[in-house]
Amino acid sequence: MREDGKIDYIEWPGGDLPATKAFYSAAFGWRFTDYGPDYVAFEGEGADGGFAKPQDGSSDRPLVILYAHDLEAMLDKVVAAGGTITAPIFGFPGGRRFHFTDPSGNELGVWSAAAGA
């Protein structure tokens, strides 16, 4: 069961996805699910996550993603606590999310599953 505010997913930059998949498969036995040419996901490896080809404006660092049942309410809490929104709520296959930085400049994301998921 996913819980509000808990680490749910970690996303890494992955420029050469076939090589990245081959490395993690060979070194650690990870299995992947492809979501188009620019994204691969893994699960059951201690934490779920994925590798994404860099996009304009994307970070070159890993992105820790928290979960929220009510994305708008969580965005309001982040702002009230002093976080800075770096990417307002946007949709993606499977749900919606936003990004923010904390007072130390760390960027994180918060996501919520698509209705009915």
Protein backbone atom coordinates (compact mmCIF):
# COMPACT_ATOMS: atom_id res chain seq x y z
CA MET A 1 0.00 0.00 0.00
CA ARG A 2 1.40 3.36 -0.96
CA GLU A 3 1.54 5.99 1.77
CA ASP A 4 1.52 9.78 1.65
CA GLY A 5 4.97 11.32 1.88
CA LYS A 6 6.90 8.04 1.68
CA ILE A 7 9.67 7.38 -0.84
CA ASP A 8 7.97 5.46 -3.62
CA TYR A 9 10.25 5.61 -6.66
CA ILE A 10 13.73 6.72 -7.72
CA GLU A 11 14.41 7.91 -11.24
CA TRP A 12 17.93 8.12 -12.68
CA PRO A 13 19.20 9.75 -15.85
CA GLY A 14 20.01 7.06 -18.41
CA GLY A 15 21.58 8.32 -21.62
CA ASP A 16 22.29 4.92 -23.21
CA LEU A 17 19.32 2.85 -22.08
CA PRO A 18 20.33 -0.45 -23.76
CA ALA A 19 23.79 -0.28 -22.12
CA THR A 20 22.28 0.76 -18.78
CA LYS A 21 19.83 -2.14 -18.86
CA ALA A 22 22.59 -4.58 -19.84
CA PHE A 23 24.82 -3.38 -17.00
CA TYR A 24 22.22 -3.65 -14.23
CA SER A 25 20.96 -6.97 -15.59
CA ALA A 26 24.47 -8.47 -15.70
CA ALA A 27 25.74 -6.99 -12.44
CA PHE A 28 22.65 -7.37 -10.24
CA GLY A 29 20.09 -9.47 -12.12
CA TRP A 30 17.58 -6.61 -12.49
CA ARG A 31 14.67 -7.00 -14.94
CA PHE A 32 13.20 -4.09 -16.85
CA THR A 33 9.95 -2.98 -18.49
CA ASP A 34 10.31 -0.69 -21.51
CA TYR A 35 7.99 2.31 -21.76
CA GLY A 36 8.89 3.57 -25.22
CA PRO A 37 12.37 4.47 -26.44
CA ASP A 38 13.12 6.98 -23.67
CA TYR A 39 12.21 5.17 -20.44
CA VAL A 40 12.75 1.82 -18.72
CA ALA A 41 11.42 0.86 -15.30
CA PHE A 42 12.39 -1.73 -12.71
CA GLU A 43 10.67 -3.01 -9.59
CA GLY A 44 11.35 -5.34 -6.72
CA GLU A 45 15.00 -4.32 -6.42
CA GLY A 46 14.72 -2.80 -2.93
CA ALA A 47 13.00 0.29 -4.33
CA ASP A 48 11.13 0.68 -7.59
CA GLY A 49 12.48 3.13 -10.13
CA GLY A 50 13.53 3.78 -13.67
CA PHE A 51 16.03 5.28 -16.06
CA ALA A 52 15.04 8.13 -18.39
CA LYS A 53 16.81 9.57 -21.39
CA PRO A 54 17.58 13.23 -20.64
CA GLN A 55 14.93 15.69 -21.78
CA ASP A 56 15.18 19.48 -22.06
CA GLY A 57 15.06 20.90 -18.53
CA SER A 58 15.55 17.54 -16.82
CA SER A 59 18.00 17.07 -13.99
CA ASP A 60 21.29 15.25 -14.38
CA ARG A 61 20.87 13.80 -10.87
CA PRO A 62 18.73 10.99 -9.46
CA LEU A 63 15.20 12.12 -8.60
CA VAL A 64 13.56 10.72 -5.46
CA ILE A 65 9.80 10.57 -5.90
CA LEU A 66 7.33 10.54 -3.00
CA TYR A 67 3.70 9.45 -3.16
CA ALA A 68 0.50 11.40 -2.40
CA HIS A 69 -3.11 10.24 -2.51
CA ASP A 70 -4.21 13.89 -2.94
CA LEU A 71 -1.62 15.59 -5.16
CA GLU A 72 -3.05 19.11 -4.85
CA ALA A 73 -3.17 18.90 -1.05
CA MET A 74 0.43 17.67 -0.95
CA LEU A 75 1.55 20.49 -3.25
CA ASP A 76 -0.08 22.97 -0.85
CA LYS A 77 1.76 21.36 2.11
CA VAL A 78 5.10 21.50 0.28
CA VAL A 79 4.64 25.20 -0.50
CA ALA A 80 3.44 26.01 3.03
CA ALA A 81 6.51 24.26 4.47
CA GLY A 82 8.88 26.36 2.34
CA GLY A 83 9.40 24.19 -0.73
CA THR A 84 9.78 25.80 -4.16
CA ILE A 85 7.80 24.26 -7.02
CA THR A 86 10.11 23.62 -9.99
CA ALA A 87 7.57 21.78 -12.17
CA PRO A 88 3.83 22.32 -11.57
CA ILE A 89 1.49 19.34 -11.70
CA PHE A 90 1.74 17.51 -15.03
CA GLY A 91 0.41 14.25 -16.40
CA PHE A 92 2.41 11.22 -17.48
CA PRO A 93 1.43 7.63 -18.36
CA GLY A 94 0.06 6.21 -15.12
CA GLY A 95 -0.59 9.38 -13.16
CA ARG A 96 0.34 12.98 -12.39
CA ARG A 97 3.23 14.57 -10.51
CA PHE A 98 5.03 17.78 -9.58
CA HIS A 99 8.64 18.59 -8.69
CA PHE A 100 9.97 20.85 -5.94
CA THR A 101 13.18 21.83 -4.21
CA ASP A 102 13.64 21.77 -0.47
CA PRO A 103 15.43 24.55 1.47
CA SER A 104 18.79 22.85 0.78
CA GLY A 105 18.17 22.81 -2.98
CA ASN A 106 17.44 19.09 -3.32
CA GLU A 107 14.92 18.39 -6.06
CA LEU A 108 12.23 15.77 -5.42
CA GLY A 109 9.02 14.76 -7.11
CA VAL A 110 5.60 13.82 -5.75
CA TRP A 111 3.24 11.64 -7.77
CA SER A 112 -0.29 10.29 -7.60
CA ALA A 113 -1.72 7.37 -9.55
CA ALA A 114 -4.19 7.91 -12.36
CA ALA A 115 -7.84 7.61 -11.37
CA GLY A 116 -8.85 3.96 -11.25
CA ALA A 117 -5.25 2.72 -11.08
